[in-house]
Amino acid sequence: MVNKATTWMAKYDLNNDLRDKAEGIDDERLVAKYDKLCERAYNMYLEYCAELPKREVANMEYVLSNY
């Protein structure tokens, strides 16, 4: 479960970066596309985190924030 959660967080980070670039070039269609992908990825991340013990989630978020 930890691997799946970190994979979805990585997808969120990638799509968030792409959304920021789309905002920089003022392409509303791409912003909406990447915003939807970010929302889906973050929801999947939260879904997998809900199945993990709190200490695992805290440890995983600590490692991801320092990565």
Protein backbone atom coordinates (compact mmCIF):
# COMPACT_ATOMS: atom_id res chain seq x y z
CA MET A 1 0.00 0.00 0.00
CA VAL A 2 2.85 2.38 0.74
CA ASN A 3 4.23 1.91 -2.77
CA LYS A 4 0.85 2.59 -4.33
CA ALA A 5 0.35 5.71 -2.22
CA THR A 6 3.81 7.08 -3.07
CA THR A 7 3.24 6.32 -6.75
CA TRP A 8 0.04 8.35 -6.76
CA MET A 9 1.76 11.20 -4.91
CA ALA A 10 4.51 11.17 -7.55
CA LYS A 11 1.83 11.35 -10.26
CA TYR A 12 0.25 14.26 -8.41
CA ASP A 13 3.58 16.10 -8.22
CA LEU A 14 4.25 15.57 -11.93
CA ASN A 15 0.79 16.77 -12.96
CA ASN A 16 1.04 19.72 -10.57
CA ASP A 17 4.29 20.81 -12.24
CA LEU A 18 2.68 20.47 -15.67
CA ARG A 19 -0.34 22.46 -14.47
CA ASP A 20 1.97 25.25 -13.26
CA LYS A 21 3.67 25.35 -16.67
CA ALA A 22 0.28 25.48 -18.40
CA GLU A 23 -0.71 28.39 -16.17
CA GLY A 24 2.52 30.13 -17.16
CA ILE A 25 1.61 29.97 -20.85
CA ASP A 26 -2.06 30.84 -20.17
CA ASP A 27 -3.51 27.68 -21.73
CA GLU A 28 -6.81 27.23 -19.90
CA ARG A 29 -7.56 23.91 -21.60
CA LEU A 30 -4.31 22.37 -20.36
CA VAL A 31 -4.78 23.88 -16.90
CA ALA A 32 -8.21 22.25 -16.64
CA LYS A 33 -6.81 18.92 -17.89
CA TYR A 34 -3.94 18.84 -15.41
CA ASP A 35 -6.14 20.12 -12.61
CA LYS A 36 -8.46 17.15 -13.15
CA LEU A 37 -5.49 14.75 -13.23
CA CYS A 38 -4.11 16.30 -10.03
CA GLU A 39 -7.45 15.90 -8.31
CA ARG A 40 -7.71 12.25 -9.35
CA ALA A 41 -4.15 11.46 -8.29
CA TYR A 42 -4.55 13.14 -4.90
CA ASN A 43 -7.86 11.36 -4.27
CA MET A 44 -6.20 8.01 -5.03
CA TYR A 45 -3.33 8.94 -2.71
CA LEU A 46 -5.79 9.70 0.08
CA GLU A 47 -7.66 6.47 -0.60
CA TYR A 48 -4.50 4.38 -0.16
CA CYS A 49 -3.44 6.41 2.88
CA ALA A 50 -6.78 5.68 4.52
CA GLU A 51 -5.90 1.98 4.47
CA LEU A 52 -2.50 2.49 6.11
CA PRO A 53 -1.70 2.92 9.80
CA LYS A 54 -1.23 6.55 10.84
CA ARG A 55 2.42 6.03 11.70
CA GLU A 56 3.10 4.72 8.19
CA VAL A 57 1.37 7.72 6.63
CA ALA A 58 3.31 10.11 8.87
CA ASN A 59 6.60 8.40 8.02
CA MET A 60 5.82 8.36 4.32
CA GLU A 61 4.86 12.06 4.27
CA TYR A 62 8.01 12.93 6.21
CA VAL A 63 10.17 11.11 3.68
CA LEU A 64 8.30 12.63 0.73
CA SER A 65 8.61 16.15 2.11
CA ASN A 66 12.37 15.76 2.52
CA TYR A 67 12.85 14.11 -0.86
